[in-house]
Amino acid sequence: MLSKRQEQITLAFCWSHVRRKFFDLADKWPVTTEVLQRFADIYAIESEVRGTKPIPLLR
């Protein structure tokens, strides 16, 4: 049985480590080119917004 503290832990994966697995498969699995491009797109957006203030939600 997990303690209450352990039940509250959310597993988070590092994008860099996930990306690396796709990079390792690039020559064996053609779809990885598309996956790696999407990672590049995400990284570009992240770079652009880093340091900016969040936009407040409109309710």
PDB file of N, CA and C in Angstrom:
ATOM      1  N   MET A   1       0.845  -1.177   0.000  1.00  0.00           N
ATOM      2  CA  MET A   1       0.000   0.000   0.000  1.00  0.00           C
ATOM      3  C   MET A   1       0.896   1.247   0.000  1.00  0.00           C
ATOM      4  N   LEU A   2       0.577   2.201  -0.864  1.00  0.00           N
ATOM      5  CA  LEU A   2       1.353   3.434  -0.937  1.00  0.00           C
ATOM      6  C   LEU A   2       0.913   4.404   0.149  1.00  0.00           C
ATOM      7  N   SER A   3       1.874   5.111   0.674  1.00  0.00           N
ATOM      8  CA  SER A   3       1.526   6.145   1.645  1.00  0.00           C
ATOM      9  C   SER A   3       0.839   7.299   0.917  1.00  0.00           C
ATOM     10  N   LYS A   4       0.174   8.160   1.654  1.00  0.00           N
ATOM     11  CA  LYS A   4      -0.512   9.299   1.029  1.00  0.00           C
ATOM     12  C   LYS A   4       0.470  10.190   0.277  1.00  0.00           C
ATOM     13  N   ARG A   5       1.661  10.345   0.816  1.00  0.00           N
ATOM     14  CA  ARG A   5       2.665  11.177   0.151  1.00  0.00           C
ATOM     15  C   ARG A   5       3.040  10.581  -1.203  1.00  0.00           C
ATOM     16  N   GLN A   6       3.235   9.280  -1.270  1.00  0.00           N
ATOM     17  CA  GLN A   6       3.601   8.647  -2.528  1.00  0.00           C
ATOM     18  C   GLN A   6       2.466   8.719  -3.546  1.00  0.00           C
ATOM     19  N   GLU A   7       1.233   8.683  -3.091  1.00  0.00           N
ATOM     20  CA  GLU A   7       0.099   8.770  -3.995  1.00  0.00           C
ATOM     21  C   GLU A   7       0.008  10.143  -4.649  1.00  0.00           C
ATOM     22  N   GLN A   8       0.591  11.175  -4.051  1.00  0.00           N
ATOM     23  CA  GLN A   8       0.525  12.531  -4.573  1.00  0.00           C
ATOM     24  C   GLN A   8       1.629  12.828  -5.584  1.00  0.00           C
ATOM     25  N   ILE A   9       2.570  11.945  -5.736  1.00  0.00           N
ATOM     26  CA  ILE A   9       3.688  12.164  -6.659  1.00  0.00           C
ATOM     27  C   ILE A   9       3.223  11.916  -8.089  1.00  0.00           C
ATOM     28  N   THR A  10       3.531  12.869  -8.970  1.00  0.00           N
ATOM     29  CA  THR A  10       3.217  12.741 -10.385  1.00  0.00           C
ATOM     30  C   THR A  10       4.518  12.497 -11.139  1.00  0.00           C
ATOM     31  N   LEU A  11       4.550  11.439 -11.908  1.00  0.00           N
ATOM     32  CA  LEU A  11       5.733  11.109 -12.690  1.00  0.00           C
ATOM     33  C   LEU A  11       5.827  12.055 -13.888  1.00  0.00           C
ATOM     34  N   ALA A  12       6.968  12.682 -14.054  1.00  0.00           N
ATOM     35  CA  ALA A  12       7.193  13.590 -15.178  1.00  0.00           C
ATOM     36  C   ALA A  12       8.451  13.138 -15.915  1.00  0.00           C
ATOM     37  N   PHE A  13       8.345  13.064 -17.215  1.00  0.00           N
ATOM     38  CA  PHE A  13       9.485  12.642 -18.020  1.00  0.00           C
ATOM     39  C   PHE A  13      10.183  13.860 -18.609  1.00  0.00           C
ATOM     40  N   CYS A  14      11.455  13.764 -18.773  1.00  0.00           N
ATOM     41  CA  CYS A  14      12.251  14.831 -19.356  1.00  0.00           C
ATOM     42  C   CYS A  14      12.155  14.748 -20.879  1.00  0.00           C
ATOM     43  N   TRP A  15      11.767  15.853 -21.522  1.00  0.00           N
ATOM     44  CA  TRP A  15      11.644  15.871 -22.980  1.00  0.00           C
ATOM     45  C   TRP A  15      12.964  15.494 -23.666  1.00  0.00           C
ATOM     46  N   SER A  16      14.079  15.918 -23.086  1.00  0.00           N
ATOM     47  CA  SER A  16      15.378  15.623 -23.705  1.00  0.00           C
ATOM     48  C   SER A  16      15.643  14.128 -23.745  1.00  0.00           C
ATOM     49  N   HIS A  17      15.294  13.436 -22.683  1.00  0.00           N
ATOM     50  CA  HIS A  17      15.525  11.991 -22.648  1.00  0.00           C
ATOM     51  C   HIS A  17      14.575  11.256 -23.603  1.00  0.00           C
ATOM     52  N   VAL A  18      13.345  11.728 -23.694  1.00  0.00           N
ATOM     53  CA  VAL A  18      12.394  11.120 -24.631  1.00  0.00           C
ATOM     54  C   VAL A  18      12.859  11.360 -26.057  1.00  0.00           C
ATOM     55  N   ARG A  19      13.281  12.599 -26.349  1.00  0.00           N
ATOM     56  CA  ARG A  19      13.760  12.935 -27.687  1.00  0.00           C
ATOM     57  C   ARG A  19      14.956  12.074 -28.080  1.00  0.00           C
ATOM     58  N   ARG A  20      15.840  11.836 -27.155  1.00  0.00           N
ATOM     59  CA  ARG A  20      17.036  11.043 -27.429  1.00  0.00           C
ATOM     60  C   ARG A  20      16.674   9.638 -27.911  1.00  0.00           C
ATOM     61  N   LYS A  21      15.631   9.053 -27.324  1.00  0.00           N
ATOM     62  CA  LYS A  21      15.206   7.703 -27.749  1.00  0.00           C
ATOM     63  C   LYS A  21      14.766   7.720 -29.210  1.00  0.00           C
ATOM     64  N   PHE A  22      14.040   8.767 -29.607  1.00  0.00           N
ATOM     65  CA  PHE A  22      13.634   8.872 -31.009  1.00  0.00           C
ATOM     66  C   PHE A  22      14.846   9.112 -31.909  1.00  0.00           C
ATOM     67  N   PHE A  23      15.778   9.921 -31.445  1.00  0.00           N
ATOM     68  CA  PHE A  23      16.991  10.182 -32.220  1.00  0.00           C
ATOM     69  C   PHE A  23      17.758   8.881 -32.461  1.00  0.00           C
ATOM     70  N   ASP A  24      17.816   8.035 -31.435  1.00  0.00           N
ATOM     71  CA  ASP A  24      18.510   6.746 -31.560  1.00  0.00           C
ATOM     72  C   ASP A  24      17.837   5.835 -32.584  1.00  0.00           C
ATOM     73  N   LEU A  25      16.537   6.011 -32.800  1.00  0.00           N
ATOM     74  CA  LEU A  25      15.785   5.178 -33.739  1.00  0.00           C
ATOM     75  C   LEU A  25      15.689   5.783 -35.137  1.00  0.00           C
ATOM     76  N   ALA A  26      16.249   6.954 -35.346  1.00  0.00           N
ATOM     77  CA  ALA A  26      16.056   7.700 -36.593  1.00  0.00           C
ATOM     78  C   ALA A  26      16.408   6.902 -37.847  1.00  0.00           C
ATOM     79  N   ASP A  27      17.442   6.090 -37.808  1.00  0.00           N
ATOM     80  CA  ASP A  27      17.828   5.344 -39.011  1.00  0.00           C
ATOM     81  C   ASP A  27      17.057   4.035 -39.169  1.00  0.00           C
ATOM     82  N   LYS A  28      16.264   3.660 -38.174  1.00  0.00           N
ATOM     83  CA  LYS A  28      15.529   2.392 -38.223  1.00  0.00           C
ATOM     84  C   LYS A  28      14.021   2.583 -38.393  1.00  0.00           C
ATOM     85  N   TRP A  29      13.543   3.778 -38.094  1.00  0.00           N
ATOM     86  CA  TRP A  29      12.100   4.008 -38.070  1.00  0.00           C
ATOM     87  C   TRP A  29      11.820   5.354 -38.736  1.00  0.00           C
ATOM     88  N   PRO A  30      11.354   5.355 -39.981  1.00  0.00           N
ATOM     89  CA  PRO A  30      11.206   6.598 -40.757  1.00  0.00           C
ATOM     90  C   PRO A  30      10.343   7.689 -40.113  1.00  0.00           C
ATOM     91  N   VAL A  31       9.353   7.326 -39.334  1.00  0.00           N
ATOM     92  CA  VAL A  31       8.460   8.328 -38.750  1.00  0.00           C
ATOM     93  C   VAL A  31       9.190   9.209 -37.729  1.00  0.00           C
ATOM     94  N   THR A  32      10.360   8.806 -37.297  1.00  0.00           N
ATOM     95  CA  THR A  32      11.081   9.610 -36.300  1.00  0.00           C
ATOM     96  C   THR A  32      11.464  10.982 -36.830  1.00  0.00           C
ATOM     97  N   THR A  33      11.617  11.126 -38.131  1.00  0.00           N
ATOM     98  CA  THR A  33      11.921  12.432 -38.708  1.00  0.00           C
ATOM     99  C   THR A  33      10.816  13.429 -38.353  1.00  0.00           C
ATOM    100  N   GLU A  34       9.567  13.005 -38.501  1.00  0.00           N
ATOM    101  CA  GLU A  34       8.430  13.860 -38.150  1.00  0.00           C
ATOM    102  C   GLU A  34       8.399  14.134 -36.651  1.00  0.00           C
ATOM    103  N   VAL A  35       8.645  13.115 -35.856  1.00  0.00           N
ATOM    104  CA  VAL A  35       8.641  13.273 -34.399  1.00  0.00           C
ATOM    105  C   VAL A  35       9.717  14.267 -33.970  1.00  0.00           C
ATOM    106  N   LEU A  36      10.918  14.125 -34.503  1.00  0.00           N
ATOM    107  CA  LEU A  36      12.013  15.027 -34.149  1.00  0.00           C
ATOM    108  C   LEU A  36      11.729  16.455 -34.600  1.00  0.00           C
ATOM    109  N   GLN A  37      11.056  16.616 -35.743  1.00  0.00           N
ATOM    110  CA  GLN A  37      10.680  17.965 -36.188  1.00  0.00           C
ATOM    111  C   GLN A  37       9.684  18.587 -35.224  1.00  0.00           C
ATOM    112  N   ARG A  38       8.768  17.802 -34.710  1.00  0.00           N
ATOM    113  CA  ARG A  38       7.790  18.320 -33.744  1.00  0.00           C
ATOM    114  C   ARG A  38       8.471  18.717 -32.440  1.00  0.00           C
ATOM    115  N   PHE A  39       9.468  17.937 -32.031  1.00  0.00           N
ATOM    116  CA  PHE A  39      10.255  18.328 -30.858  1.00  0.00           C
ATOM    117  C   PHE A  39      10.933  19.666 -31.114  1.00  0.00           C
ATOM    118  N   ALA A  40      11.515  19.831 -32.295  1.00  0.00           N
ATOM    119  CA  ALA A  40      12.179  21.088 -32.635  1.00  0.00           C
ATOM    120  C   ALA A  40      11.184  22.251 -32.588  1.00  0.00           C
ATOM    121  N   ASP A  41       9.966  22.019 -33.068  1.00  0.00           N
ATOM    122  CA  ASP A  41       8.935  23.060 -33.031  1.00  0.00           C
ATOM    123  C   ASP A  41       8.590  23.435 -31.587  1.00  0.00           C
ATOM    124  N   ILE A  42       8.457  22.429 -30.739  1.00  0.00           N
ATOM    125  CA  ILE A  42       8.148  22.680 -29.325  1.00  0.00           C
ATOM    126  C   ILE A  42       9.281  23.460 -28.671  1.00  0.00           C
ATOM    127  N   TYR A  43      10.522  23.051 -28.938  1.00  0.00           N
ATOM    128  CA  TYR A  43      11.673  23.749 -28.358  1.00  0.00           C
ATOM    129  C   TYR A  43      11.730  25.202 -28.836  1.00  0.00           C
ATOM    130  N   ALA A  44      11.380  25.449 -30.097  1.00  0.00           N
ATOM    131  CA  ALA A  44      11.394  26.815 -30.631  1.00  0.00           C
ATOM    132  C   ALA A  44      10.352  27.684 -29.925  1.00  0.00           C
ATOM    133  N   ILE A  45       9.168  27.131 -29.712  1.00  0.00           N
ATOM    134  CA  ILE A  45       8.118  27.875 -28.993  1.00  0.00           C
ATOM    135  C   ILE A  45       8.561  28.146 -27.564  1.00  0.00           C
ATOM    136  N   GLU A  46       9.109  27.121 -26.926  1.00  0.00           N
ATOM    137  CA  GLU A  46       9.573  27.282 -25.550  1.00  0.00           C
ATOM    138  C   GLU A  46      10.635  28.375 -25.457  1.00  0.00           C
ATOM    139  N   SER A  47      11.559  28.400 -26.402  1.00  0.00           N
ATOM    140  CA  SER A  47      12.612  29.410 -26.416  1.00  0.00           C
ATOM    141  C   SER A  47      12.029  30.813 -26.582  1.00  0.00           C
ATOM    142  N   GLU A  48      11.007  30.915 -27.405  1.00  0.00           N
ATOM    143  CA  GLU A  48      10.377  32.218 -27.671  1.00  0.00           C
ATOM    144  C   GLU A  48       9.634  32.763 -26.451  1.00  0.00           C
ATOM    145  N   VAL A  49       8.996  31.896 -25.700  1.00  0.00           N
ATOM    146  CA  VAL A  49       8.171  32.365 -24.575  1.00  0.00           C
ATOM    147  C   VAL A  49       8.902  32.355 -23.231  1.00  0.00           C
ATOM    148  N   ARG A  50      10.070  31.767 -23.180  1.00  0.00           N
ATOM    149  CA  ARG A  50      10.812  31.705 -21.915  1.00  0.00           C
ATOM    150  C   ARG A  50      11.039  33.111 -21.380  1.00  0.00           C
ATOM    151  N   GLY A  51      10.696  33.307 -20.127  1.00  0.00           N
ATOM    152  CA  GLY A  51      10.905  34.592 -19.481  1.00  0.00           C
ATOM    153  C   GLY A  51       9.746  35.563 -19.610  1.00  0.00           C
ATOM    154  N   THR A  52       8.754  35.209 -20.418  1.00  0.00           N
ATOM    155  CA  THR A  52       7.599  36.096 -20.547  1.00  0.00           C
ATOM    156  C   THR A  52       6.589  35.793 -19.444  1.00  0.00           C
ATOM    157  N   LYS A  53       5.744  36.772 -19.184  1.00  0.00           N
ATOM    158  CA  LYS A  53       4.712  36.583 -18.160  1.00  0.00           C
ATOM    159  C   LYS A  53       3.562  35.773 -18.748  1.00  0.00           C
ATOM    160  N   PRO A  54       2.948  34.924 -17.938  1.00  0.00           N
ATOM    161  CA  PRO A  54       1.800  34.163 -18.441  1.00  0.00           C
ATOM    162  C   PRO A  54       0.620  35.078 -18.726  1.00  0.00           C
ATOM    163  N   ILE A  55      -0.164  34.695 -19.691  1.00  0.00           N
ATOM    164  CA  ILE A  55      -1.377  35.450 -20.040  1.00  0.00           C
ATOM    165  C   ILE A  55      -2.477  35.013 -19.068  1.00  0.00           C
ATOM    166  N   PRO A  56      -3.122  35.970 -18.415  1.00  0.00           N
ATOM    167  CA  PRO A  56      -4.190  35.593 -17.475  1.00  0.00           C
ATOM    168  C   PRO A  56      -5.367  34.954 -18.214  1.00  0.00           C
ATOM    169  N   LEU A  57      -5.999  33.990 -17.585  1.00  0.00           N
ATOM    170  CA  LEU A  57      -7.157  33.344 -18.180  1.00  0.00           C
ATOM    171  C   LEU A  57      -8.362  34.269 -18.085  1.00  0.00           C
ATOM    172  N   LEU A  58      -9.110  34.309 -19.162  1.00  0.00           N
ATOM    173  CA  LEU A  58     -10.329  35.117 -19.176  1.00  0.00           C
ATOM    174  C   LEU A  58     -11.487  34.237 -18.736  1.00  0.00           C
ATOM    175  N   ARG A  59     -12.269  34.732 -17.834  1.00  0.00           N
ATOM    176  CA  ARG A  59     -13.410  33.944 -17.350  1.00  0.00           C
ATOM    177  C   ARG A  59     -14.689  34.675 -17.589  1.00  0.00           C
TER     178      ARG A  59
END
